Amino acid sequence: MISSFGVPGLLLILIILAMFVGIGVFILKAIKK
């Protein structure tokens, strides 16, 4: 299934995951503040 996406697909998934992690950290910091 992963091979069907190819390298660009994997990079896109990594970027999306990084965005979700960044948003999650931002929300946690906002809550702790």
PDB file of N, CA and C in Angstrom:
ATOM      1  N   MET A   1       0.847  -1.203   0.000  1.00  0.00           N
ATOM      2  CA  MET A   1       0.000   0.000   0.000  1.00  0.00           C
ATOM      3  C   MET A   1       0.875   1.244   0.000  1.00  0.00           C
ATOM      4  N   ILE A   2       1.949   1.209   0.782  1.00  0.00           N
ATOM      5  CA  ILE A   2       2.845   2.371   0.857  1.00  0.00           C
ATOM      6  C   ILE A   2       3.550   2.569  -0.486  1.00  0.00           C
ATOM      7  N   SER A   3       3.903   1.455  -1.147  1.00  0.00           N
ATOM      8  CA  SER A   3       4.630   1.547  -2.413  1.00  0.00           C
ATOM      9  C   SER A   3       3.790   2.249  -3.482  1.00  0.00           C
ATOM     10  N   SER A   4       2.460   2.206  -3.349  1.00  0.00           N
ATOM     11  CA  SER A   4       1.584   2.837  -4.341  1.00  0.00           C
ATOM     12  C   SER A   4       1.700   4.361  -4.278  1.00  0.00           C
ATOM     13  N   PHE A   5       2.028   4.890  -3.089  1.00  0.00           N
ATOM     14  CA  PHE A   5       2.165   6.344  -2.954  1.00  0.00           C
ATOM     15  C   PHE A   5       3.479   6.807  -3.560  1.00  0.00           C
ATOM     16  N   GLY A   6       4.558   6.047  -3.325  1.00  0.00           N
ATOM     17  CA  GLY A   6       5.860   6.459  -3.824  1.00  0.00           C
ATOM     18  C   GLY A   6       6.512   7.417  -2.844  1.00  0.00           C
ATOM     19  N   VAL A   7       7.698   7.898  -3.201  1.00  0.00           N
ATOM     20  CA  VAL A   7       8.435   8.804  -2.306  1.00  0.00           C
ATOM     21  C   VAL A   7       7.674  10.107  -2.056  1.00  0.00           C
ATOM     22  N   PRO A   8       7.135  10.776  -3.089  1.00  0.00           N
ATOM     23  CA  PRO A   8       6.398  12.038  -2.863  1.00  0.00           C
ATOM     24  C   PRO A   8       5.260  11.853  -1.870  1.00  0.00           C
ATOM     25  N   GLY A   9       4.573  10.717  -1.966  1.00  0.00           N
ATOM     26  CA  GLY A   9       3.461  10.454  -1.048  1.00  0.00           C
ATOM     27  C   GLY A   9       3.957  10.343   0.387  1.00  0.00           C
ATOM     28  N   LEU A  10       5.089   9.648   0.574  1.00  0.00           N
ATOM     29  CA  LEU A  10       5.645   9.494   1.925  1.00  0.00           C
ATOM     30  C   LEU A  10       6.056  10.851   2.474  1.00  0.00           C
ATOM     31  N   LEU A  11       6.670  11.685   1.629  1.00  0.00           N
ATOM     32  CA  LEU A  11       7.095  13.021   2.077  1.00  0.00           C
ATOM     33  C   LEU A  11       5.871  13.838   2.473  1.00  0.00           C
ATOM     34  N   LEU A  12       4.802  13.730   1.689  1.00  0.00           N
ATOM     35  CA  LEU A  12       3.579  14.483   1.991  1.00  0.00           C
ATOM     36  C   LEU A  12       3.006  14.033   3.332  1.00  0.00           C
ATOM     37  N   ILE A  13       3.010  12.706   3.569  1.00  0.00           N
ATOM     38  CA  ILE A  13       2.492  12.176   4.843  1.00  0.00           C
ATOM     39  C   ILE A  13       3.341  12.677   5.999  1.00  0.00           C
ATOM     40  N   LEU A  14       4.667  12.685   5.823  1.00  0.00           N
ATOM     41  CA  LEU A  14       5.561  13.148   6.895  1.00  0.00           C
ATOM     42  C   LEU A  14       5.299  14.617   7.193  1.00  0.00           C
ATOM     43  N   ILE A  15       5.087  15.419   6.151  1.00  0.00           N
ATOM     44  CA  ILE A  15       4.828  16.856   6.341  1.00  0.00           C
ATOM     45  C   ILE A  15       3.508  17.054   7.095  1.00  0.00           C
ATOM     46  N   ILE A  16       2.486  16.286   6.714  1.00  0.00           N
ATOM     47  CA  ILE A  16       1.182  16.409   7.386  1.00  0.00           C
ATOM     48  C   ILE A  16       1.298  16.010   8.852  1.00  0.00           C
ATOM     49  N   LEU A  17       2.027  14.913   9.127  1.00  0.00           N
ATOM     50  CA  LEU A  17       2.209  14.475  10.519  1.00  0.00           C
ATOM     51  C   LEU A  17       2.947  15.548  11.299  1.00  0.00           C
ATOM     52  N   ALA A  18       3.963  16.160  10.684  1.00  0.00           N
ATOM     53  CA  ALA A  18       4.738  17.203  11.364  1.00  0.00           C
ATOM     54  C   ALA A  18       3.829  18.386  11.690  1.00  0.00           C
ATOM     55  N   MET A  19       2.908  18.703  10.768  1.00  0.00           N
ATOM     56  CA  MET A  19       1.983  19.819  11.006  1.00  0.00           C
ATOM     57  C   MET A  19       1.072  19.508  12.189  1.00  0.00           C
ATOM     58  N   PHE A  20       0.552  18.267  12.229  1.00  0.00           N
ATOM     59  CA  PHE A  20      -0.332  17.879  13.340  1.00  0.00           C
ATOM     60  C   PHE A  20       0.413  17.948  14.663  1.00  0.00           C
ATOM     61  N   VAL A  21       1.672  17.480  14.677  1.00  0.00           N
ATOM     62  CA  VAL A  21       2.478  17.512  15.909  1.00  0.00           C
ATOM     63  C   VAL A  21       2.705  18.959  16.332  1.00  0.00           C
ATOM     64  N   GLY A  22       3.020  19.838  15.378  1.00  0.00           N
ATOM     65  CA  GLY A  22       3.260  21.248  15.691  1.00  0.00           C
ATOM     66  C   GLY A  22       2.007  21.897  16.262  1.00  0.00           C
ATOM     67  N   ILE A  23       0.859  21.598  15.669  1.00  0.00           N
ATOM     68  CA  ILE A  23      -0.403  22.163  16.169  1.00  0.00           C
ATOM     69  C   ILE A  23      -0.698  21.634  17.568  1.00  0.00           C
ATOM     70  N   GLY A  24      -0.440  20.339  17.790  1.00  0.00           N
ATOM     71  CA  GLY A  24      -0.690  19.736  19.103  1.00  0.00           C
ATOM     72  C   GLY A  24       0.169  20.389  20.172  1.00  0.00           C
ATOM     73  N   VAL A  25       1.451  20.597  19.863  1.00  0.00           N
ATOM     74  CA  VAL A  25       2.362  21.237  20.831  1.00  0.00           C
ATOM     75  C   VAL A  25       1.897  22.664  21.104  1.00  0.00           C
ATOM     76  N   PHE A  26       1.487  23.385  20.046  1.00  0.00           N
ATOM     77  CA  PHE A  26       1.023  24.765  20.208  1.00  0.00           C
ATOM     78  C   PHE A  26      -0.195  24.817  21.126  1.00  0.00           C
ATOM     79  N   ILE A  27      -1.133  23.879  20.936  1.00  0.00           N
ATOM     80  CA  ILE A  27      -2.344  23.842  21.774  1.00  0.00           C
ATOM     81  C   ILE A  27      -1.976  23.527  23.222  1.00  0.00           C
ATOM     82  N   LEU A  28      -1.075  22.560  23.426  1.00  0.00           N
ATOM     83  CA  LEU A  28      -0.667  22.196  24.793  1.00  0.00           C
ATOM     84  C   LEU A  28      -0.038  23.398  25.487  1.00  0.00           C
ATOM     85  N   LYS A  29       0.816  24.133  24.761  1.00  0.00           N
ATOM     86  CA  LYS A  29       1.459  25.319  25.352  1.00  0.00           C
ATOM     87  C   LYS A  29       0.405  26.370  25.691  1.00  0.00           C
ATOM     88  N   ALA A  30      -0.592  26.531  24.831  1.00  0.00           N
ATOM     89  CA  ALA A  30      -1.645  27.522  25.075  1.00  0.00           C
ATOM     90  C   ALA A  30      -2.457  27.127  26.311  1.00  0.00           C
ATOM     91  N   ILE A  31      -2.704  25.824  26.482  1.00  0.00           N
ATOM     92  CA  ILE A  31      -3.490  25.360  27.641  1.00  0.00           C
ATOM     93  C   ILE A  31      -2.688  25.539  28.928  1.00  0.00           C
ATOM     94  N   LYS A  32      -1.406  25.193  28.876  1.00  0.00           N
ATOM     95  CA  LYS A  32      -0.569  25.309  30.082  1.00  0.00           C
ATOM     96  C   LYS A  32      -0.378  26.766  30.483  1.00  0.00           C
ATOM     97  N   LYS A  33      -0.484  27.666  29.510  1.00  0.00           N
ATOM     98  CA  LYS A  33      -0.276  29.096  29.798  1.00  0.00           C
ATOM     99  C   LYS A  33      -1.475  29.651  30.531  1.00  0.00           C
TER     100      LYS A  33
END
